[in-house]
Amino acid sequence: MQDQWRKVVDRLDNIERLLLQIVRQGAEKDVGDGDTALLTLKQAAEFLHLSTSSIYKLIYKKNITPVQRTAKSRILFTKEHLINYLKQKNSN
């Protein structure tokens, strides 16, 4: 029985990985560098020139809000939200 559940979990992990890959490719292909492109936590950190731990702190302090949280705690942002954060930060 344990092996059957392991297979189910493995398949779900694979489906999730493929869906995230499709989302990333779709964001790059359909909207290119547009403001609605989805970014992973790592990509958001690179975009903001911050560490991933700094991004987690910003989320915790509710300075930025991810648009989507997937299974396995994967967090996605739109460039639009990140740009709004930068504008708000610069106006203060």
PDB file of N, CA and C in Angstrom:
ATOM      1  N   MET A   1       0.819  -1.199   0.000  1.00  0.00           N
ATOM      2  CA  MET A   1       0.000   0.000   0.000  1.00  0.00           C
ATOM      3  C   MET A   1       0.864   1.264   0.000  1.00  0.00           C
ATOM      4  N   GLN A   2       1.951   1.208   0.762  1.00  0.00           N
ATOM      5  CA  GLN A   2       2.863   2.344   0.842  1.00  0.00           C
ATOM      6  C   GLN A   2       3.459   2.650  -0.534  1.00  0.00           C
ATOM      7  N   ASP A   3       3.791   1.622  -1.296  1.00  0.00           N
ATOM      8  CA  ASP A   3       4.354   1.819  -2.636  1.00  0.00           C
ATOM      9  C   ASP A   3       3.367   2.494  -3.565  1.00  0.00           C
ATOM     10  N   GLN A   4       2.088   2.155  -3.433  1.00  0.00           N
ATOM     11  CA  GLN A   4       1.066   2.781  -4.282  1.00  0.00           C
ATOM     12  C   GLN A   4       0.967   4.275  -3.987  1.00  0.00           C
ATOM     13  N   TRP A   5       0.999   4.647  -2.712  1.00  0.00           N
ATOM     14  CA  TRP A   5       0.943   6.058  -2.361  1.00  0.00           C
ATOM     15  C   TRP A   5       2.191   6.788  -2.832  1.00  0.00           C
ATOM     16  N   ARG A   6       3.327   6.132  -2.739  1.00  0.00           N
ATOM     17  CA  ARG A   6       4.585   6.724  -3.209  1.00  0.00           C
ATOM     18  C   ARG A   6       4.498   7.011  -4.701  1.00  0.00           C
ATOM     19  N   LYS A   7       3.905   6.066  -5.456  1.00  0.00           N
ATOM     20  CA  LYS A   7       3.742   6.268  -6.899  1.00  0.00           C
ATOM     21  C   LYS A   7       2.817   7.448  -7.179  1.00  0.00           C
ATOM     22  N   VAL A   8       1.743   7.553  -6.410  1.00  0.00           N
ATOM     23  CA  VAL A   8       0.800   8.667  -6.589  1.00  0.00           C
ATOM     24  C   VAL A   8       1.495   9.995  -6.310  1.00  0.00           C
ATOM     25  N   VAL A   9       2.225  10.049  -5.218  1.00  0.00           N
ATOM     26  CA  VAL A   9       2.945  11.278  -4.857  1.00  0.00           C
ATOM     27  C   VAL A   9       3.984  11.620  -5.924  1.00  0.00           C
ATOM     28  N   ASP A  10       4.706  10.625  -6.405  1.00  0.00           N
ATOM     29  CA  ASP A  10       5.699  10.861  -7.458  1.00  0.00           C
ATOM     30  C   ASP A  10       5.043  11.399  -8.721  1.00  0.00           C
ATOM     31  N   ARG A  11       3.907  10.840  -9.086  1.00  0.00           N
ATOM     32  CA  ARG A  11       3.208  11.313 -10.284  1.00  0.00           C
ATOM     33  C   ARG A  11       2.702  12.739 -10.096  1.00  0.00           C
ATOM     34  N   LEU A  12       2.169  13.034  -8.917  1.00  0.00           N
ATOM     35  CA  LEU A  12       1.711  14.397  -8.648  1.00  0.00           C
ATOM     36  C   LEU A  12       2.867  15.391  -8.681  1.00  0.00           C
ATOM     37  N   ASP A  13       4.000  14.992  -8.140  1.00  0.00           N
ATOM     38  CA  ASP A  13       5.189  15.850  -8.203  1.00  0.00           C
ATOM     39  C   ASP A  13       5.587  16.116  -9.645  1.00  0.00           C
ATOM     40  N   ASN A  14       5.531  15.092 -10.463  1.00  0.00           N
ATOM     41  CA  ASN A  14       5.880  15.232 -11.876  1.00  0.00           C
ATOM     42  C   ASN A  14       4.891  16.156 -12.592  1.00  0.00           C
ATOM     43  N   ILE A  15       3.603  15.999 -12.294  1.00  0.00           N
ATOM     44  CA  ILE A  15       2.586  16.860 -12.906  1.00  0.00           C
ATOM     45  C   ILE A  15       2.813  18.311 -12.497  1.00  0.00           C
ATOM     46  N   GLU A  16       3.088  18.531 -11.221  1.00  0.00           N
ATOM     47  CA  GLU A  16       3.334  19.884 -10.744  1.00  0.00           C
ATOM     48  C   GLU A  16       4.551  20.498 -11.429  1.00  0.00           C
ATOM     49  N   ARG A  17       5.611  19.711 -11.555  1.00  0.00           N
ATOM     50  CA  ARG A  17       6.825  20.201 -12.209  1.00  0.00           C
ATOM     51  C   ARG A  17       6.527  20.582 -13.659  1.00  0.00           C
ATOM     52  N   LEU A  18       5.759  19.749 -14.353  1.00  0.00           N
ATOM     53  CA  LEU A  18       5.421  20.034 -15.746  1.00  0.00           C
ATOM     54  C   LEU A  18       4.534  21.270 -15.862  1.00  0.00           C
ATOM     55  N   LEU A  19       3.578  21.418 -14.953  1.00  0.00           N
ATOM     56  CA  LEU A  19       2.711  22.591 -14.990  1.00  0.00           C
ATOM     57  C   LEU A  19       3.485  23.880 -14.749  1.00  0.00           C
ATOM     58  N   LEU A  20       4.402  23.857 -13.810  1.00  0.00           N
ATOM     59  CA  LEU A  20       5.228  25.042 -13.572  1.00  0.00           C
ATOM     60  C   LEU A  20       6.092  25.365 -14.780  1.00  0.00           C
ATOM     61  N   GLN A  21       6.572  24.323 -15.431  1.00  0.00           N
ATOM     62  CA  GLN A  21       7.373  24.512 -16.645  1.00  0.00           C
ATOM     63  C   GLN A  21       6.519  25.169 -17.730  1.00  0.00           C
ATOM     64  N   ILE A  22       5.266  24.716 -17.866  1.00  0.00           N
ATOM     65  CA  ILE A  22       4.352  25.290 -18.853  1.00  0.00           C
ATOM     66  C   ILE A  22       4.054  26.746 -18.517  1.00  0.00           C
ATOM     67  N   VAL A  23       3.828  27.029 -17.235  1.00  0.00           N
ATOM     68  CA  VAL A  23       3.547  28.403 -16.806  1.00  0.00           C
ATOM     69  C   VAL A  23       4.726  29.303 -17.147  1.00  0.00           C
ATOM     70  N   ARG A  24       5.930  28.848 -16.828  1.00  0.00           N
ATOM     71  CA  ARG A  24       7.122  29.656 -17.125  1.00  0.00           C
ATOM     72  C   ARG A  24       7.277  29.878 -18.620  1.00  0.00           C
ATOM     73  N   GLN A  25       7.112  28.819 -19.402  1.00  0.00           N
ATOM     74  CA  GLN A  25       7.252  28.951 -20.849  1.00  0.00           C
ATOM     75  C   GLN A  25       6.163  29.839 -21.413  1.00  0.00           C
ATOM     76  N   GLY A  26       4.937  29.675 -20.905  1.00  0.00           N
ATOM     77  CA  GLY A  26       3.824  30.498 -21.367  1.00  0.00           C
ATOM     78  C   GLY A  26       4.035  31.947 -21.036  1.00  0.00           C
ATOM     79  N   ALA A  27       4.549  32.212 -19.847  1.00  0.00           N
ATOM     80  CA  ALA A  27       4.803  33.593 -19.442  1.00  0.00           C
ATOM     81  C   ALA A  27       5.858  34.211 -20.341  1.00  0.00           C
ATOM     82  N   GLU A  28       6.881  33.441 -20.658  1.00  0.00           N
ATOM     83  CA  GLU A  28       7.943  33.952 -21.531  1.00  0.00           C
ATOM     84  C   GLU A  28       7.453  34.098 -22.959  1.00  0.00           C
ATOM     85  N   LYS A  29       6.699  33.120 -23.438  1.00  0.00           N
ATOM     86  CA  LYS A  29       6.288  33.105 -24.832  1.00  0.00           C
ATOM     87  C   LYS A  29       5.143  34.074 -25.102  1.00  0.00           C
ATOM     88  N   ASP A  30       4.079  34.047 -24.250  1.00  0.00           N
ATOM     89  CA  ASP A  30       2.888  34.824 -24.512  1.00  0.00           C
ATOM     90  C   ASP A  30       3.026  36.292 -24.147  1.00  0.00           C
ATOM     91  N   VAL A  31       3.623  36.571 -22.988  1.00  0.00           N
ATOM     92  CA  VAL A  31       3.704  37.961 -22.570  1.00  0.00           C
ATOM     93  C   VAL A  31       5.131  38.468 -22.519  1.00  0.00           C
ATOM     94  N   GLY A  32       6.070  37.618 -22.846  1.00  0.00           N
ATOM     95  CA  GLY A  32       7.453  38.041 -22.904  1.00  0.00           C
ATOM     96  C   GLY A  32       7.895  38.669 -21.609  1.00  0.00           C
ATOM     97  N   ASP A  33       8.417  39.858 -21.692  1.00  0.00           N
ATOM     98  CA  ASP A  33       8.862  40.564 -20.502  1.00  0.00           C
ATOM     99  C   ASP A  33       7.779  41.493 -19.975  1.00  0.00           C
ATOM    100  N   GLY A  34       6.534  41.249 -20.353  1.00  0.00           N
ATOM    101  CA  GLY A  34       5.443  42.099 -19.890  1.00  0.00           C
ATOM    102  C   GLY A  34       5.270  42.034 -18.390  1.00  0.00           C
ATOM    103  N   ASP A  35       4.502  42.983 -17.886  1.00  0.00           N
ATOM    104  CA  ASP A  35       4.312  43.098 -16.436  1.00  0.00           C
ATOM    105  C   ASP A  35       3.522  41.941 -15.844  1.00  0.00           C
ATOM    106  N   THR A  36       2.803  41.183 -16.674  1.00  0.00           N
ATOM    107  CA  THR A  36       1.999  40.077 -16.145  1.00  0.00           C
ATOM    108  C   THR A  36       2.744  38.749 -16.171  1.00  0.00           C
ATOM    109  N   ALA A  37       3.994  38.761 -16.580  1.00  0.00           N
ATOM    110  CA  ALA A  37       4.776  37.524 -16.607  1.00  0.00           C
ATOM    111  C   ALA A  37       4.928  36.981 -15.190  1.00  0.00           C
ATOM    112  N   LEU A  38       4.786  35.672 -15.042  1.00  0.00           N
ATOM    113  CA  LEU A  38       4.931  35.048 -13.733  1.00  0.00           C
ATOM    114  C   LEU A  38       6.398  34.764 -13.447  1.00  0.00           C
ATOM    115  N   LEU A  39       6.795  35.040 -12.215  1.00  0.00           N
ATOM    116  CA  LEU A  39       8.175  34.815 -11.787  1.00  0.00           C
ATOM    117  C   LEU A  39       8.177  33.913 -10.559  1.00  0.00           C
ATOM    118  N   THR A  40       9.146  33.035 -10.499  1.00  0.00           N
ATOM    119  CA  THR A  40       9.333  32.217  -9.307  1.00  0.00           C
ATOM    120  C   THR A  40       9.963  33.072  -8.220  1.00  0.00           C
ATOM    121  N   LEU A  41      10.073  32.517  -7.043  1.00  0.00           N
ATOM    122  CA  LEU A  41      10.705  33.230  -5.929  1.00  0.00           C
ATOM    123  C   LEU A  41      12.133  33.630  -6.288  1.00  0.00           C
ATOM    124  N   LYS A  42      12.869  32.708  -6.869  1.00  0.00           N
ATOM    125  CA  LYS A  42      14.256  32.990  -7.244  1.00  0.00           C
ATOM    126  C   LYS A  42      14.320  34.088  -8.310  1.00  0.00           C
ATOM    127  N   GLN A  43      13.438  34.015  -9.302  1.00  0.00           N
ATOM    128  CA  GLN A  43      13.415  35.026 -10.353  1.00  0.00           C
ATOM    129  C   GLN A  43      13.021  36.391  -9.785  1.00  0.00           C
ATOM    130  N   ALA A  44      12.071  36.392  -8.845  1.00  0.00           N
ATOM    131  CA  ALA A  44      11.665  37.654  -8.201  1.00  0.00           C
ATOM    132  C   ALA A  44      12.836  38.254  -7.429  1.00  0.00           C
ATOM    133  N   ALA A  45      13.580  37.393  -6.741  1.00  0.00           N
ATOM    134  CA  ALA A  45      14.754  37.872  -5.999  1.00  0.00           C
ATOM    135  C   ALA A  45      15.772  38.494  -6.953  1.00  0.00           C
ATOM    136  N   GLU A  46      16.006  37.849  -8.073  1.00  0.00           N
ATOM    137  CA  GLU A  46      16.942  38.389  -9.065  1.00  0.00           C
ATOM    138  C   GLU A  46      16.423  39.709  -9.634  1.00  0.00           C
ATOM    139  N   PHE A  47      15.119  39.765  -9.909  1.00  0.00           N
ATOM    140  CA  PHE A  47      14.510  40.972 -10.468  1.00  0.00           C
ATOM    141  C   PHE A  47      14.656  42.151  -9.507  1.00  0.00           C
ATOM    142  N   LEU A  48      14.481  41.888  -8.206  1.00  0.00           N
ATOM    143  CA  LEU A  48      14.570  42.950  -7.191  1.00  0.00           C
ATOM    144  C   LEU A  48      15.992  43.137  -6.652  1.00  0.00           C
ATOM    145  N   HIS A  49      16.924  42.315  -7.123  1.00  0.00           N
ATOM    146  CA  HIS A  49      18.311  42.342  -6.639  1.00  0.00           C
ATOM    147  C   HIS A  49      18.368  42.106  -5.133  1.00  0.00           C
ATOM    148  N   LEU A  50      17.626  41.086  -4.686  1.00  0.00           N
ATOM    149  CA  LEU A  50      17.586  40.705  -3.277  1.00  0.00           C
ATOM    150  C   LEU A  50      17.855  39.208  -3.150  1.00  0.00           C
ATOM    151  N   SER A  51      18.092  38.774  -1.931  1.00  0.00           N
ATOM    152  CA  SER A  51      18.230  37.341  -1.676  1.00  0.00           C
ATOM    153  C   SER A  51      16.837  36.727  -1.532  1.00  0.00           C
ATOM    154  N   THR A  52      16.749  35.426  -1.672  1.00  0.00           N
ATOM    155  CA  THR A  52      15.455  34.765  -1.496  1.00  0.00           C
ATOM    156  C   THR A  52      14.966  34.910  -0.051  1.00  0.00           C
ATOM    157  N   SER A  53      15.887  34.924   0.907  1.00  0.00           N
ATOM    158  CA  SER A  53      15.459  35.104   2.304  1.00  0.00           C
ATOM    159  C   SER A  53      14.863  36.495   2.508  1.00  0.00           C
ATOM    160  N   SER A  54      15.371  37.489   1.799  1.00  0.00           N
ATOM    161  CA  SER A  54      14.794  38.836   1.882  1.00  0.00           C
ATOM    162  C   SER A  54      13.382  38.859   1.300  1.00  0.00           C
ATOM    163  N   ILE A  55      13.171  38.100   0.251  1.00  0.00           N
ATOM    164  CA  ILE A  55      11.831  38.007  -0.346  1.00  0.00           C
ATOM    165  C   ILE A  55      10.865  37.382   0.658  1.00  0.00           C
ATOM    166  N   TYR A  56      11.306  36.306   1.328  1.00  0.00           N
ATOM    167  CA  TYR A  56      10.459  35.683   2.350  1.00  0.00           C
ATOM    168  C   TYR A  56      10.098  36.690   3.446  1.00  0.00           C
ATOM    169  N   LYS A  57      11.055  37.522   3.837  1.00  0.00           N
ATOM    170  CA  LYS A  57      10.794  38.533   4.864  1.00  0.00           C
ATOM    171  C   LYS A  57       9.776  39.557   4.375  1.00  0.00           C
ATOM    172  N   LEU A  58       9.885  39.960   3.111  1.00  0.00           N
ATOM    173  CA  LEU A  58       8.927  40.908   2.552  1.00  0.00           C
ATOM    174  C   LEU A  58       7.526  40.319   2.509  1.00  0.00           C
ATOM    175  N   ILE A  59       7.434  39.024   2.208  1.00  0.00           N
ATOM    176  CA  ILE A  59       6.131  38.353   2.200  1.00  0.00           C
ATOM    177  C   ILE A  59       5.570  38.316   3.617  1.00  0.00           C
ATOM    178  N   TYR A  60       6.409  37.949   4.569  1.00  0.00           N
ATOM    179  CA  TYR A  60       5.985  37.860   5.966  1.00  0.00           C
ATOM    180  C   TYR A  60       5.493  39.212   6.486  1.00  0.00           C
ATOM    181  N   LYS A  61       6.201  40.275   6.114  1.00  0.00           N
ATOM    182  CA  LYS A  61       5.824  41.621   6.547  1.00  0.00           C
ATOM    183  C   LYS A  61       4.692  42.202   5.698  1.00  0.00           C
ATOM    184  N   LYS A  62       4.240  41.433   4.707  1.00  0.00           N
ATOM    185  CA  LYS A  62       3.158  41.825   3.797  1.00  0.00           C
ATOM    186  C   LYS A  62       3.505  43.056   2.964  1.00  0.00           C
ATOM    187  N   ASN A  63       4.796  43.214   2.666  1.00  0.00           N
ATOM    188  CA  ASN A  63       5.224  44.288   1.767  1.00  0.00           C
ATOM    189  C   ASN A  63       5.005  43.896   0.309  1.00  0.00           C
ATOM    190  N   ILE A  64       5.107  42.602   0.022  1.00  0.00           N
ATOM    191  CA  ILE A  64       4.770  42.092  -1.304  1.00  0.00           C
ATOM    192  C   ILE A  64       3.885  40.870  -1.114  1.00  0.00           C
ATOM    193  N   THR A  65       3.016  40.650  -2.076  1.00  0.00           N
ATOM    194  CA  THR A  65       2.086  39.534  -2.003  1.00  0.00           C
ATOM    195  C   THR A  65       2.248  38.664  -3.242  1.00  0.00           C
ATOM    196  N   PRO A  66       2.492  37.375  -3.034  1.00  0.00           N
ATOM    197  CA  PRO A  66       2.559  36.489  -4.197  1.00  0.00           C
ATOM    198  C   PRO A  66       1.175  36.346  -4.817  1.00  0.00           C
ATOM    199  N   VAL A  67       1.131  36.126  -6.112  1.00  0.00           N
ATOM    200  CA  VAL A  67      -0.154  35.947  -6.782  1.00  0.00           C
ATOM    201  C   VAL A  67      -0.622  34.501  -6.696  1.00  0.00           C
ATOM    202  N   GLN A  68       0.296  33.601  -6.442  1.00  0.00           N
ATOM    203  CA  GLN A  68      -0.070  32.187  -6.425  1.00  0.00           C
ATOM    204  C   GLN A  68       0.898  31.405  -5.558  1.00  0.00           C
ATOM    205  N   ARG A  69       0.337  30.488  -4.796  1.00  0.00           N
ATOM    206  CA  ARG A  69       1.144  29.532  -4.034  1.00  0.00           C
ATOM    207  C   ARG A  69       0.729  28.157  -4.505  1.00  0.00           C
ATOM    208  N   THR A  70       1.692  27.391  -4.938  1.00  0.00           N
ATOM    209  CA  THR A  70       1.391  26.063  -5.450  1.00  0.00           C
ATOM    210  C   THR A  70       1.713  25.027  -4.384  1.00  0.00           C
ATOM    211  N   ALA A  71       1.417  23.783  -4.712  1.00  0.00           N
ATOM    212  CA  ALA A  71       1.796  22.696  -3.811  1.00  0.00           C
ATOM    213  C   ALA A  71       3.313  22.737  -3.632  1.00  0.00           C
ATOM    214  N   LYS A  72       3.792  22.177  -2.572  1.00  0.00           N
ATOM    215  CA  LYS A  72       5.223  22.183  -2.243  1.00  0.00           C
ATOM    216  C   LYS A  72       5.731  23.594  -1.975  1.00  0.00           C
ATOM    217  N   SER A  73       4.821  24.495  -1.620  1.00  0.00           N
ATOM    218  CA  SER A  73       5.177  25.865  -1.214  1.00  0.00           C
ATOM    219  C   SER A  73       5.907  26.663  -2.280  1.00  0.00           C
ATOM    220  N   ARG A  74       5.650  26.393  -3.525  1.00  0.00           N
ATOM    221  CA  ARG A  74       6.232  27.223  -4.587  1.00  0.00           C
ATOM    222  C   ARG A  74       5.422  28.507  -4.682  1.00  0.00           C
ATOM    223  N   ILE A  75       6.133  29.599  -4.773  1.00  0.00           N
ATOM    224  CA  ILE A  75       5.505  30.915  -4.746  1.00  0.00           C
ATOM    225  C   ILE A  75       5.775  31.610  -6.072  1.00  0.00           C
ATOM    226  N   LEU A  76       4.724  32.207  -6.647  1.00  0.00           N
ATOM    227  CA  LEU A  76       4.859  32.915  -7.919  1.00  0.00           C
ATOM    228  C   LEU A  76       4.414  34.367  -7.757  1.00  0.00           C
ATOM    229  N   PHE A  77       5.056  35.250  -8.492  1.00  0.00           N
ATOM    230  CA  PHE A  77       4.763  36.674  -8.486  1.00  0.00           C
ATOM    231  C   PHE A  77       4.552  37.144  -9.918  1.00  0.00           C
ATOM    232  N   THR A  78       3.876  38.280 -10.068  1.00  0.00           N
ATOM    233  CA  THR A  78       3.870  38.941 -11.368  1.00  0.00           C
ATOM    234  C   THR A  78       4.863  40.092 -11.300  1.00  0.00           C
ATOM    235  N   LYS A  79       5.421  40.420 -12.436  1.00  0.00           N
ATOM    236  CA  LYS A  79       6.331  41.572 -12.483  1.00  0.00           C
ATOM    237  C   LYS A  79       5.596  42.837 -12.061  1.00  0.00           C
ATOM    238  N   GLU A  80       4.314  42.909 -12.416  1.00  0.00           N
ATOM    239  CA  GLU A  80       3.516  44.082 -12.066  1.00  0.00           C
ATOM    240  C   GLU A  80       3.512  44.315 -10.553  1.00  0.00           C
ATOM    241  N   HIS A  81       3.300  43.237  -9.772  1.00  0.00           N
ATOM    242  CA  HIS A  81       3.311  43.376  -8.320  1.00  0.00           C
ATOM    243  C   HIS A  81       4.692  43.824  -7.815  1.00  0.00           C
ATOM    244  N   LEU A  82       5.736  43.276  -8.399  1.00  0.00           N
ATOM    245  CA  LEU A  82       7.087  43.636  -7.972  1.00  0.00           C
ATOM    246  C   LEU A  82       7.422  45.079  -8.344  1.00  0.00           C
ATOM    247  N   ILE A  83       6.990  45.501  -9.514  1.00  0.00           N
ATOM    248  CA  ILE A  83       7.213  46.888  -9.935  1.00  0.00           C
ATOM    249  C   ILE A  83       6.450  47.843  -9.023  1.00  0.00           C
ATOM    250  N   ASN A  84       5.208  47.479  -8.662  1.00  0.00           N
ATOM    251  CA  ASN A  84       4.438  48.309  -7.726  1.00  0.00           C
ATOM    252  C   ASN A  84       5.140  48.409  -6.380  1.00  0.00           C
ATOM    253  N   TYR A  85       5.731  47.298  -5.923  1.00  0.00           N
ATOM    254  CA  TYR A  85       6.483  47.324  -4.670  1.00  0.00           C
ATOM    255  C   TYR A  85       7.650  48.314  -4.776  1.00  0.00           C
ATOM    256  N   LEU A  86       8.387  48.254  -5.894  1.00  0.00           N
ATOM    257  CA  LEU A  86       9.520  49.162  -6.081  1.00  0.00           C
ATOM    258  C   LEU A  86       9.070  50.623  -6.118  1.00  0.00           C
ATOM    259  N   LYS A  87       7.966  50.895  -6.794  1.00  0.00           N
ATOM    260  CA  LYS A  87       7.446  52.264  -6.861  1.00  0.00           C
ATOM    261  C   LYS A  87       7.063  52.761  -5.479  1.00  0.00           C
ATOM    262  N   GLN A  88       6.382  51.887  -4.732  1.00  0.00           N
ATOM    263  CA  GLN A  88       5.954  52.253  -3.380  1.00  0.00           C
ATOM    264  C   GLN A  88       7.178  52.486  -2.476  1.00  0.00           C
ATOM    265  N   LYS A  89       8.167  51.621  -2.618  1.00  0.00           N
ATOM    266  CA  LYS A  89       9.384  51.755  -1.809  1.00  0.00           C
ATOM    267  C   LYS A  89      10.118  53.056  -2.134  1.00  0.00           C
ATOM    268  N   ASN A  90      10.175  53.401  -3.421  1.00  0.00           N
ATOM    269  CA  ASN A  90      10.884  54.612  -3.832  1.00  0.00           C
ATOM    270  C   ASN A  90      10.128  55.890  -3.476  1.00  0.00           C
ATOM    271  N   SER A  91       8.803  55.805  -3.354  1.00  0.00           N
ATOM    272  CA  SER A  91       8.028  56.998  -3.025  1.00  0.00           C
ATOM    273  C   SER A  91       8.088  57.337  -1.535  1.00  0.00           C
ATOM    274  N   ASN A  92       8.530  56.379  -0.723  1.00  0.00           N
ATOM    275  CA  ASN A  92       8.612  56.625   0.736  1.00  0.00           C
ATOM    276  C   ASN A  92       9.897  57.235   1.087  1.00  0.00           C
TER     277      ASN A  92
END
